[in-house]
Every structure is written in C-alpha cells, then in structure tokens.
C-alpha cells in the first residue's frame, strides 16, 4: 500500500473514531450518592459460579459495571468484623484495630466482641450485646465526609450489627441492623435518646411487624434448578438433609434477612432523600444471609442456590431506585470475605484434601506444653484461627513465659500434618508490610498474618491450617456445617464491582484490594485522601474528575547476587 493510501486509511479511521466519540456518553459530574454494598461471604468463586445465571441486580453490575473479579481481602484472618473494617477505611485490620470477630481481654480473660461498647445500650430494648464503633481505630469514608466542611448524610443498614457499624464509622446519622420480632434497631451512647435514634426506621418497623404478623415468614422453592440440588449427607453421626425449607427454619438463616435489609435501604433512600441534597451522601448496606446460609447449610446446595437468585432480585430493586437519584450515584459491591462448602461435600466433588481438622491437635499441644514448662493447667486456648496462651482463668500468661511458650507451640505445630504454618504474635508485629506494588495474591503467609495482627487483641499464636481443612468438629443438627477465616484464596478472593447509571461494562482482570475502595470513592466525590491509608485510588472513568494522584515509584533494589546481563533493561514490575 502506498503512503497516500495509508494516509487516506488513517484519515478514515480518524473520522470513524471521532464519530464514535461524538456518540459516547459525556463524563458525569461527581455523584451525590455513594452506595457501598457488602455481601457477607460472597467469594469470587461463588460470584463466578452464578454470574451467568443472574438476571437482575447482579446481572446489571456484571454487564454494565467495572468488574474486578480478582479483588482481595489481603489479610489472613478472614472473618466478618475485620473484613468489613477494611471496606470503607482503606486500611488493613492491623490498623483498624479489628483482628477478629472477638478476642480475649489479656488482663481479665473475658471474651470481647469486636464492637463491644459496655457504656452503650440497644435502642427500644431490642436485646443483644451493647455495641458501637469504640474498638475501631480507623475512620471511614463517612467520617471523612463529616469532617470535610461540607458534610452530607451517612446511613448504614444490615442484618448484623458488625456489618453496619464497621462500614458507617464513628459519625453516622443512622446505623441500623435487624432483630427478628423487633425490626431494625441501633446503639445508644450515653446522653443520646433511643427513640430519636430509631426515628428514621420507625415507620419501616411498623410496616414489617404488620406484614409478618399477617403472613409469618416462610421459605419455599422459587427455582426448579435449586430443587434439583436436594441430597442427604452423612457428617459424623449426623445425617444432613439439604433441602428448602430446612428442617429448622429460622428467619436469620433465610433469604428474607437480605430482603428486609434491601427494603430498609430503599426506605432510607426515599425517606431521607439521599442523593438529593447539595452534598454527597453515603448509604452502606451489608447483606448478611449468604454468610448465615453458608455456615449453616454450605455453599453448594439448594439453600445457597435459592439465596443467590433472591439476593440478585433484591439488589435489582435497589439499583432501580438508585438509578432515579437526580444527583447521580456510584455503587460499589464487594464482600468482607469468601468461603467454601462443608468439607464432606467438597471431598465428594473433587477436593479430596477437604476434611475437618484433627480434634486431638490441641490436646497433644497442651500435653506437650504442660510437661515442657511444668504448667498445672492447659495453656493453649483455641480461638478461631489461632491460640491464646492463658492460665486457668483465661488470663494471658505473663512475659517472658508467654513468649517462650508461644515459640515452643509454633515449633510443635509446624510438625503437625494438618498445619501449613504458625507464627508468634511477636514475630508478626515485627513483620514489615508487603512491598508496594506486590500483588496481594503473592503476599507470603507471614505477611498475610501480619496484616491481621493487633497487639493486645490478636491470638498469641497465629495458626494456618492446610488448604481445605476446616477447624470444625462434625456439627449437631442446626450447627455450623462450614466456615471461613483462612488465609487461602477461597476465603480471601472476592469480587469488587463499580457501577453507576449509564456505565459501560468493562472487565478489569488485574488484582486490587478492598482497601482500595475508600480512597477511590473519596477522590471521586472530591474528598482529600488521608495519607496513612493502605489502599490506593483507582481511576474508574465515566466522571468529570481529575485522574487519581500518583505516588512516586518505588525504586527496585536488586539483591547483591542478582547481576543483570549487560545491555538488558531491568523493569520494575515482576520483582515482587
């Protein structure tokens, strides 16, 4: 082809490109509403499994949004409270101060719930532990908004207190979670009026109470594809009948829990006129039923199948309303952690390593430690995915004894076949964070565990079981069938999806972290990004805002033994 023909072809392409740009959507102004959605225990595996079957809200997010299928909760102890604490703070649990759902007080030996706030009460006498954001050492997007000089309104709603409070932060206008038989409640700090704090949901509670009195909650099949998954499983001495409705029907363990949370979000959206004022508003929603159903019935049966379809429909109703907000909206959906099926069904489906942990490990360890250190009582107390080292009153052993016992426990556990690795809290607190730019899937086990380590709250020994091994004994009827909390990808990898009305679908395959969500949203709505965050700002496109500020590149220092060949250019990536 001659140069003239090439020039003509390029000119033609330029005309076509210009025509395409002329029809492209104009960048939108910064949105007046941020909607942050967490689906508790919504692993990237579960998202991928049902992605082709979604037809409502999750279909909209998948087809029209920015899809980061490789999102990560980067820390090791993947539980609900620490996972939620990363979503709108931009920080890992070692900085949010929330290493687990609960821990032992080192001085008293008493169990401490992650959101325990003894000075508070629960509004309306709804029952439950007194809770609040007191234990959170980090601020959230909503807090930054309140401190910005142009504060909008901040609301959060969930089926769980820890799903709402951790996303709302310290200065929210309303934080609500559902209590069966009561409706949505909240916490009341000293000096606050409980009825005044409940005011935003009183009408909603009256509506829900009347409905459930007239039509008691029930759970039946809506999809034949789910009915086909019915089966019986022998788990220890217990036969589990996997079906809908389950043998023991409880409201919190049905899709109804998420449906009332979605209804609550719609109610707040309308009654509080969110996204209709001069400043940016934040609405955080945590859907809890996927987690409760996953624990109680597993992730691969008819129960989870029905949950996925009904969650999809609930999110669809929410997006329909968000699309009508005149000030514009940005929606992000992710999860606090992933999860997996109960080990007996996993083993039958091609994962032979899946099993329940040897229950004698702790007994063997305690026998060894008592003999080694002449202790009268068992020192090792198992808690989730680690060990507290305590006396008979569950008070932490004094130093330096605790340090010596912890080191001996780690050495003993590393020889156990069910254990992949173990670390003392002291060594985790000394561990440097991963080098900037390192993909989260490449963090070492020690680095992941260090991101969960909080002095005075974390276990004295962090325990990493082998992949597929659940730290659960065979359940009794109605007990937990499966769990999460490990450092393996099925528990850490979660979807992260951004969407706004008029967005064009886009797959983004590279890895990001849940800590990236808060700085991204802050930049989008014009808030200064705090300097001490772990996450980074992501350029989403579609909005008339400046590009994210870029940090100076991190120099790559080659180890002394690495001598590049003469004349070769060494690139900074691929070195992590």
Foldseek 3Di string as FASTA:
>chain_A
DDPVVVVVVVVVVVVVVVVVVVPADDFAAQFQEEEEEAEAQFFLVNCVVCQVVFDFQSVCLQFFWAWASFAWLLFFQQEALQLLLLQFQLAFCQQQQQLYQWFAQQAQLDIGGSFADQQKDKFPCLDDGAGASVRTNTFGLQVLQVVFVNHDAEEEEEQDQSNFRSHRGHDHLATWHQRPPQGIIDMGHPPGDRCVNCVLCPVVRVVVNVVCVVPPDAKDDPDVVQQVQWDWDCFPPDIATFHPPGPDDDCLQALVRQLSQLVSQVSCCPVVVRRADPHHYYYYYYYYNLASNCFQRNCPHSRNVRNVRSNSNSSRVNVVVQQPRVRWYKYKYKHSWHWGGFQRVVCVVPDVVADADDPCLLVVLQVVLCVVPVAPDRQWDDDSQATAGAHPSSNGDDPPVLVVSQVVSQVSQVPDQFFPGKDFLVVLCVDDADDPPDFSVPDDNSNSPSSSRYPSGDHRMGTATDPNYFNDHRDDNRGTRTHEGGSDSSTTTMMMIMDIVPGGYDYDHGYAYSSQNNVQSCQSSPRDDDPPRPHAHDDRDSHPGDHGDDDDDDDDDDPPVDDDDPPDDDDPPPPD
